[in-house]
Amino acid sequence: MIRLVDVRVDVPVPAPTGGRWTSKTLLQDVTCELPERRIAFIGANGSGKSTLLRLLNGLMPVTGGRVEVDGLDPATNGKAVRAHVGFVFTDPLSQLLMPTPIEDVELSLRRVVPQREQRRARALELLAERGLDRVAEQSIYDLSGGERQLVALTAVLAVNPGILVADEPTTLLDLGNRLRLRALLDALPQQVVVSTHDLDLAASADRVLVVAGGRIVADGSPQESIVFYEASQR
């Protein structure tokens, strides 16, 4: 169970006149429990939805309130939370660290498959499951955006996290790859939490929460929340 209680996030920013620093509030008064299998957060750019997702595996600390992920506090159990919560970024190049897909998946497997030959075989097997074995040893810079996102997802899922968090995973993808990624996410056994501008992806969730001004302003079924969000943007 993911639980947020009275969460607030402030970050330091330069004062408009220079000199002293001040603070900017990114999230405030956020309280929710997230037991559903598929959850989507939607909202305009700068609404706070990406910040909210980063709290779930300790990528960003809270200023006030409390975050719990299956009973663990990311602030005090960061390593355990990050092992339990896989995070996929909007731009896969921000998390693909190695020159080729197979090396990147091997890197993820180092803790769980210590022997190199077995690790390489397992990495190739995981890439093949995503239809990526043919590009396993190509440079990540020679891959399409969709292939890069699938490699990033494969590397994250290689260690079998209990929860997958994805920050706008379809933003840089064309229609075909958006449909492919959507089907892949839907088939995963893990709980999946996404932030997205892709309302078709949000519509496939069990629950959709709308974020605006750093607050949750709507929370309900996909149809209810998407109608609310669309009306708020007119």
Protein backbone atom coordinates (compact mmCIF):
# COMPACT_ATOMS: atom_id res chain seq x y z
CA MET A 1 0.00 0.00 0.00
CA ILE A 2 1.25 3.47 -0.91
CA ARG A 3 0.18 6.12 1.57
CA LEU A 4 0.80 9.89 1.62
CA VAL A 5 -0.27 11.89 4.66
CA ASP A 6 -0.32 15.73 4.70
CA VAL A 7 2.62 15.82 2.30
CA ARG A 8 4.32 19.11 1.51
CA VAL A 9 7.35 19.71 -0.69
CA ASP A 10 9.20 23.03 -0.74
CA VAL A 11 12.35 23.71 -2.73
CA PRO A 12 14.80 26.63 -2.47
CA VAL A 13 14.80 29.16 -5.31
CA PRO A 14 16.67 32.42 -5.83
CA ALA A 15 14.74 35.50 -4.72
CA PRO A 16 13.43 37.55 -7.70
CA THR A 17 15.58 40.52 -6.68
CA GLY A 18 18.71 38.42 -6.18
CA GLY A 19 20.71 37.95 -3.04
CA ARG A 20 18.71 35.92 -0.54
CA TRP A 21 17.04 32.64 -1.38
CA THR A 22 13.37 31.94 -0.87
CA SER A 23 11.26 28.78 -1.24
CA LYS A 24 8.73 27.52 -3.73
CA THR A 25 5.99 25.05 -2.83
CA LEU A 26 5.67 22.16 -5.29
CA LEU A 27 3.18 20.06 -3.31
CA GLN A 28 0.93 20.79 -0.34
CA ASP A 29 -1.87 19.11 1.61
CA VAL A 30 -1.49 15.84 -0.30
CA THR A 31 -3.18 12.93 1.47
CA CYS A 32 -4.17 9.71 -0.29
CA GLU A 33 -3.94 5.93 -0.16
CA LEU A 34 -3.17 4.08 -3.37
CA PRO A 35 -4.08 0.38 -3.21
CA GLU A 36 -5.29 -0.04 -6.80
CA ARG A 37 -3.35 -2.09 -9.36
CA ARG A 38 -3.26 0.68 -12.00
CA ILE A 39 -3.15 4.35 -10.97
CA ALA A 40 -2.63 7.45 -13.12
CA PHE A 41 -1.89 11.04 -12.17
CA ILE A 42 -2.78 13.68 -14.75
CA GLY A 43 -2.35 17.44 -14.77
CA ALA A 44 -0.83 20.36 -16.66
CA ASN A 45 2.91 20.97 -16.88
CA GLY A 46 4.17 22.24 -13.54
CA SER A 47 1.17 20.90 -11.62
CA GLY A 48 3.32 18.76 -9.31
CA LYS A 49 2.48 15.29 -10.58
CA SER A 50 6.09 14.37 -11.43
CA THR A 51 7.25 15.63 -8.04
CA LEU A 52 4.62 13.45 -6.40
CA LEU A 53 5.85 10.35 -8.22
CA ARG A 54 9.46 11.05 -7.22
CA LEU A 55 8.44 10.85 -3.57
CA LEU A 56 7.49 7.20 -3.99
CA ASN A 57 11.06 5.92 -4.22
CA GLY A 58 12.88 8.70 -2.41
CA LEU A 59 14.11 10.64 -5.44
CA MET A 60 12.76 13.74 -3.70
CA PRO A 61 12.32 14.25 0.06
CA VAL A 62 9.23 15.70 1.69
CA THR A 63 9.36 18.97 3.60
CA GLY A 64 6.43 17.95 5.76
CA GLY A 65 4.06 15.04 6.20
CA ARG A 66 4.79 11.38 5.60
CA VAL A 67 5.19 8.90 2.73
CA GLU A 68 4.88 5.14 3.23
CA VAL A 69 5.43 2.48 0.58
CA ASP A 70 4.35 -0.94 1.83
CA GLY A 71 5.21 0.21 5.34
CA LEU A 72 8.61 1.70 4.41
CA ASP A 73 9.49 5.38 4.68
CA PRO A 74 11.69 6.48 1.74
CA ALA A 75 13.36 9.05 3.99
CA THR A 76 14.70 6.44 6.42
CA ASN A 77 14.67 3.27 4.30
CA GLY A 78 15.74 4.66 0.95
CA LYS A 79 17.75 1.66 -0.21
CA ALA A 80 14.96 -0.80 0.59
CA VAL A 81 12.35 1.41 -1.07
CA ARG A 82 14.40 1.85 -4.24
CA ALA A 83 14.84 -1.93 -4.42
CA HIS A 84 11.07 -2.32 -4.14
CA VAL A 85 9.97 0.56 -6.40
CA GLY A 86 11.24 0.67 -9.98
CA PHE A 87 11.23 4.13 -11.59
CA VAL A 88 11.05 4.86 -15.33
CA PHE A 89 11.85 8.41 -16.44
CA THR A 90 10.24 10.35 -19.29
CA ASP A 91 13.48 10.40 -21.30
CA PRO A 92 15.17 6.97 -21.28
CA LEU A 93 18.55 8.53 -22.05
CA SER A 94 18.50 9.99 -18.54
CA GLN A 95 18.68 6.48 -17.07
CA LEU A 96 20.43 4.33 -19.67
CA LEU A 97 23.98 4.37 -18.30
CA MET A 98 25.78 1.84 -20.49
CA PRO A 99 26.69 1.95 -24.20
CA THR A 100 24.42 -0.93 -25.29
CA PRO A 101 21.09 -2.42 -24.18
CA ILE A 102 22.58 -5.72 -23.04
CA GLU A 103 25.18 -3.95 -20.90
CA ASP A 104 22.50 -1.79 -19.31
CA VAL A 105 20.34 -4.77 -18.38
CA GLU A 106 23.43 -6.61 -17.13
CA LEU A 107 24.18 -3.65 -14.86
CA SER A 108 20.72 -3.93 -13.31
CA LEU A 109 21.25 -7.65 -12.73
CA ARG A 110 24.63 -7.38 -10.98
CA ARG A 111 23.21 -7.70 -7.48
CA VAL A 112 20.96 -10.67 -8.23
CA VAL A 113 23.02 -12.62 -10.79
CA PRO A 114 26.67 -12.44 -9.66
CA GLN A 115 28.22 -14.67 -12.34
CA ARG A 116 28.95 -12.75 -15.53
CA GLU A 117 28.06 -15.45 -18.08
CA GLN A 118 24.74 -16.20 -16.41
CA ARG A 119 24.05 -12.48 -16.10
CA ARG A 120 24.66 -11.89 -19.80
CA ALA A 121 22.44 -14.83 -20.77
CA ARG A 122 19.66 -13.57 -18.51
CA ALA A 123 19.96 -10.05 -19.90
CA LEU A 124 19.64 -11.34 -23.46
CA GLU A 125 16.64 -13.45 -22.43
CA LEU A 126 14.88 -10.41 -20.93
CA LEU A 127 15.58 -8.29 -24.01
CA ALA A 128 14.26 -11.07 -26.25
CA GLU A 129 11.00 -11.08 -24.29
CA ARG A 130 10.55 -7.44 -25.37
CA GLY A 131 11.59 -8.14 -28.97
CA LEU A 132 14.89 -6.31 -28.41
CA ASP A 133 17.40 -9.14 -28.83
CA ARG A 134 18.23 -7.95 -32.36
CA VAL A 135 19.44 -4.58 -30.99
CA ALA A 136 21.03 -5.96 -27.83
CA GLU A 137 24.56 -4.92 -28.82
CA GLN A 138 23.77 -1.75 -30.76
CA SER A 139 24.57 1.68 -29.36
CA ILE A 140 21.63 3.09 -27.42
CA TYR A 141 22.03 6.22 -29.57
CA ASP A 142 21.20 4.18 -32.67
CA LEU A 143 17.87 3.00 -31.22
CA SER A 144 14.48 4.58 -31.80
CA GLY A 145 12.75 6.39 -28.95
CA GLY A 146 10.43 3.45 -28.48
CA GLU A 147 13.30 0.96 -28.35
CA ARG A 148 15.14 3.09 -25.79
CA GLN A 149 12.07 3.30 -23.57
CA LEU A 150 11.58 -0.47 -23.77
CA VAL A 151 15.25 -1.05 -22.88
CA ALA A 152 14.92 1.28 -19.88
CA LEU A 153 11.78 -0.53 -18.79
CA THR A 154 13.47 -3.92 -19.25
CA ALA A 155 16.41 -2.82 -17.10
CA VAL A 156 14.10 -1.60 -14.33
CA LEU A 157 11.96 -4.74 -14.39
CA ALA A 158 14.99 -7.06 -14.49
CA VAL A 159 15.17 -7.09 -10.69
CA ASN A 160 11.43 -7.68 -10.32
CA PRO A 161 10.33 -4.65 -8.27
CA GLY A 162 7.01 -4.88 -6.48
CA ILE A 163 5.86 -1.48 -7.78
CA LEU A 164 6.61 0.26 -11.07
CA VAL A 165 6.45 4.06 -11.20
CA ALA A 166 6.62 5.70 -14.63
CA ASP A 167 6.86 9.45 -15.18
CA GLU A 168 5.14 10.33 -18.48
CA PRO A 169 6.45 7.16 -20.17
CA THR A 170 4.75 7.76 -23.55
CA THR A 171 5.58 11.45 -24.02
CA LEU A 172 8.44 10.95 -26.51
CA LEU A 173 6.86 8.02 -28.37
CA ASP A 174 4.98 7.81 -31.66
CA LEU A 175 1.54 6.20 -31.81
CA GLY A 176 2.73 2.68 -32.51
CA ASN A 177 5.19 2.67 -29.63
CA ARG A 178 2.66 4.31 -27.30
CA LEU A 179 0.24 1.46 -28.02
CA ARG A 180 2.99 -1.12 -27.54
CA LEU A 181 4.11 0.37 -24.22
CA ARG A 182 0.52 0.70 -23.01
CA ALA A 183 -0.12 -3.00 -23.68
CA LEU A 184 3.12 -3.94 -21.93
CA LEU A 185 2.29 -1.91 -18.82
CA ASP A 186 -1.19 -3.35 -18.68
CA ALA A 187 0.16 -6.91 -18.75
CA LEU A 188 2.61 -6.46 -15.86
CA PRO A 189 1.88 -8.20 -12.55
CA GLN A 190 3.28 -5.24 -10.58
CA GLN A 191 1.28 -2.33 -9.28
CA VAL A 192 1.84 0.44 -11.84
CA VAL A 193 1.67 4.16 -11.01
CA VAL A 194 2.10 6.66 -13.85
CA SER A 195 1.96 10.37 -14.43
CA THR A 196 0.86 11.20 -17.95
CA HIS A 197 -0.51 13.65 -20.49
CA ASP A 198 -1.67 10.63 -22.51
CA LEU A 199 -5.35 10.52 -21.63
CA ASP A 200 -5.79 7.20 -23.42
CA LEU A 201 -3.18 5.71 -21.10
CA ALA A 202 -4.91 7.31 -18.11
CA ALA A 203 -8.26 5.92 -19.26
CA SER A 204 -6.92 2.37 -18.91
CA ALA A 205 -6.13 2.87 -15.20
CA ASP A 206 -8.33 1.75 -12.32
CA ARG A 207 -8.14 5.18 -10.70
CA VAL A 208 -7.11 8.63 -11.93
CA LEU A 209 -6.06 11.56 -9.74
CA VAL A 210 -5.86 15.13 -11.09
CA VAL A 211 -3.08 17.37 -9.77
CA ALA A 212 -3.17 21.18 -10.03
CA GLY A 213 -1.25 23.81 -8.13
CA GLY A 214 0.52 21.16 -6.08
CA ARG A 215 -2.73 19.67 -4.78
CA ILE A 216 -4.93 16.72 -5.67
CA VAL A 217 -8.07 18.41 -6.99
CA ALA A 218 -9.98 15.37 -8.29
CA ASP A 219 -9.82 11.67 -7.54
CA GLY A 220 -12.06 9.01 -9.00
CA SER A 221 -12.75 6.75 -11.93
CA PRO A 222 -10.89 7.46 -15.19
CA GLN A 223 -14.01 8.84 -16.85
CA GLU A 224 -14.87 11.17 -13.95
CA SER A 225 -11.35 12.50 -13.49
CA ILE A 226 -10.61 12.94 -17.21
CA VAL A 227 -13.87 14.86 -17.74
CA PHE A 228 -12.96 17.08 -14.78
CA TYR A 229 -9.45 17.68 -16.11
CA GLU A 230 -10.60 18.48 -19.65
CA ALA A 231 -13.19 20.94 -18.32
CA SER A 232 -10.54 22.64 -16.17
CA GLN A 233 -8.33 23.25 -19.24
CA ARG A 234 -10.94 25.05 -21.30
